[in-house]
Amino acid sequence: MKNKAPLSKPVTDWVKVTGVIDWEMCGYYPSYWEYVKALHTVGPKSEFNDWWSFLPASIGVWPKEYAVDQLISRWWG
């Protein structure tokens, strides 16, 4: 059965698969999510602590959400 639509070419004609995306962590996350999770990667006393000074300017500041996330991590960590 042929589809007559002009843009209905088979994907294999023009796309080459070069990788696979891991969808395990995909989904909707609230605005504060990147800030909170990015701060988990580097502590304020590490050699890369300048991360903490650049991060707020790039994605915003969420101190209350970060504090709650820290508590959750300690309780259920």
C-alpha atoms as a PDB file:
ATOM      1  CA  MET A   1       0.000   0.000   0.000  1.00  0.00           C
ATOM      2  CA  LYS A   2       1.486   3.355  -1.030  1.00  0.00           C
ATOM      3  CA  ASN A   3       0.885   6.623   0.740  1.00  0.00           C
ATOM      4  CA  LYS A   4       0.366   9.464  -1.750  1.00  0.00           C
ATOM      5  CA  ALA A   5       1.435  12.303   0.580  1.00  0.00           C
ATOM      6  CA  PRO A   6       4.564  14.089  -0.754  1.00  0.00           C
ATOM      7  CA  LEU A   7       6.403  14.043   2.587  1.00  0.00           C
ATOM      8  CA  SER A   8       5.756  10.413   3.405  1.00  0.00           C
ATOM      9  CA  LYS A   9       9.118   9.007   2.352  1.00  0.00           C
ATOM     10  CA  PRO A  10      10.342   6.061   4.391  1.00  0.00           C
ATOM     11  CA  VAL A  11      12.683   7.194   7.135  1.00  0.00           C
ATOM     12  CA  THR A  12      15.411   4.868   5.917  1.00  0.00           C
ATOM     13  CA  ASP A  13      15.789   6.948   2.736  1.00  0.00           C
ATOM     14  CA  TRP A  14      17.196   9.995   4.484  1.00  0.00           C
ATOM     15  CA  VAL A  15      18.091   9.199   8.102  1.00  0.00           C
ATOM     16  CA  LYS A  16      21.085   7.321   9.421  1.00  0.00           C
ATOM     17  CA  VAL A  17      20.828   6.185  13.042  1.00  0.00           C
ATOM     18  CA  THR A  18      24.013   7.264  14.800  1.00  0.00           C
ATOM     19  CA  GLY A  19      23.024   6.642  18.396  1.00  0.00           C
ATOM     20  CA  VAL A  20      20.271   5.707  20.788  1.00  0.00           C
ATOM     21  CA  ILE A  21      18.872   8.017  23.459  1.00  0.00           C
ATOM     22  CA  ASP A  22      18.438   6.561  26.919  1.00  0.00           C
ATOM     23  CA  TRP A  23      14.895   7.557  27.879  1.00  0.00           C
ATOM     24  CA  GLU A  24      15.168   6.232  31.445  1.00  0.00           C
ATOM     25  CA  MET A  25      15.239   9.718  32.980  1.00  0.00           C
ATOM     26  CA  CYS A  26      13.021  11.498  30.456  1.00  0.00           C
ATOM     27  CA  GLY A  27       9.880  13.337  31.400  1.00  0.00           C
ATOM     28  CA  TYR A  28       8.634  16.638  32.717  1.00  0.00           C
ATOM     29  CA  TYR A  29      10.646  18.138  35.516  1.00  0.00           C
ATOM     30  CA  PRO A  30       9.806  21.352  37.403  1.00  0.00           C
ATOM     31  CA  SER A  31      11.824  24.522  36.808  1.00  0.00           C
ATOM     32  CA  TYR A  32      14.016  24.013  39.868  1.00  0.00           C
ATOM     33  CA  TRP A  33      15.064  20.449  38.918  1.00  0.00           C
ATOM     34  CA  GLU A  34      18.234  21.305  36.982  1.00  0.00           C
ATOM     35  CA  TYR A  35      19.469  23.655  39.704  1.00  0.00           C
ATOM     36  CA  VAL A  36      18.855  21.160  42.499  1.00  0.00           C
ATOM     37  CA  LYS A  37      20.354  18.171  40.686  1.00  0.00           C
ATOM     38  CA  ALA A  38      23.309  20.116  39.277  1.00  0.00           C
ATOM     39  CA  LEU A  39      24.365  21.085  42.792  1.00  0.00           C
ATOM     40  CA  HIS A  40      24.503  17.401  43.728  1.00  0.00           C
ATOM     41  CA  THR A  41      27.379  16.878  41.303  1.00  0.00           C
ATOM     42  CA  VAL A  42      29.919  19.197  42.927  1.00  0.00           C
ATOM     43  CA  GLY A  43      30.095  20.230  46.557  1.00  0.00           C
ATOM     44  CA  PRO A  44      30.864  23.801  47.646  1.00  0.00           C
ATOM     45  CA  LYS A  45      34.258  22.717  49.059  1.00  0.00           C
ATOM     46  CA  SER A  46      35.523  20.807  46.028  1.00  0.00           C
ATOM     47  CA  GLU A  47      38.191  22.063  43.642  1.00  0.00           C
ATOM     48  CA  PHE A  48      35.422  22.800  41.125  1.00  0.00           C
ATOM     49  CA  ASN A  49      33.442  25.058  43.484  1.00  0.00           C
ATOM     50  CA  ASP A  50      33.237  27.856  40.893  1.00  0.00           C
ATOM     51  CA  TRP A  51      30.343  25.805  39.472  1.00  0.00           C
ATOM     52  CA  TRP A  52      28.238  27.140  42.343  1.00  0.00           C
ATOM     53  CA  SER A  53      28.879  30.739  41.302  1.00  0.00           C
ATOM     54  CA  PHE A  54      28.086  30.229  37.594  1.00  0.00           C
ATOM     55  CA  LEU A  55      25.022  28.065  38.002  1.00  0.00           C
ATOM     56  CA  PRO A  56      22.510  30.597  39.414  1.00  0.00           C
ATOM     57  CA  ALA A  57      23.116  33.058  36.599  1.00  0.00           C
ATOM     58  CA  SER A  58      22.479  30.416  33.991  1.00  0.00           C
ATOM     59  CA  ILE A  59      19.413  28.575  35.322  1.00  0.00           C
ATOM     60  CA  GLY A  60      18.075  30.510  38.309  1.00  0.00           C
ATOM     61  CA  VAL A  61      18.191  30.100  42.079  1.00  0.00           C
ATOM     62  CA  TRP A  62      15.931  27.766  44.041  1.00  0.00           C
ATOM     63  CA  PRO A  63      17.203  27.751  47.677  1.00  0.00           C
ATOM     64  CA  LYS A  64      14.052  26.358  49.327  1.00  0.00           C
ATOM     65  CA  GLU A  65      13.731  23.555  46.815  1.00  0.00           C
ATOM     66  CA  TYR A  66      17.431  22.754  47.207  1.00  0.00           C
ATOM     67  CA  ALA A  67      17.064  22.569  51.005  1.00  0.00           C
ATOM     68  CA  VAL A  68      14.087  20.215  50.725  1.00  0.00           C
ATOM     69  CA  ASP A  69      15.943  18.047  48.230  1.00  0.00           C
ATOM     70  CA  GLN A  70      18.907  17.859  50.619  1.00  0.00           C
ATOM     71  CA  LEU A  71      16.614  16.677  53.413  1.00  0.00           C
ATOM     72  CA  ILE A  72      15.043  14.059  51.175  1.00  0.00           C
ATOM     73  CA  SER A  73      18.488  12.840  50.122  1.00  0.00           C
ATOM     74  CA  ARG A  74      19.581  12.494  53.747  1.00  0.00           C
ATOM     75  CA  TRP A  75      16.426  10.661  54.801  1.00  0.00           C
ATOM     76  CA  TRP A  76      16.074   8.319  51.844  1.00  0.00           C
ATOM     77  CA  GLY A  77      19.455   8.877  50.213  1.00  0.00           C
END
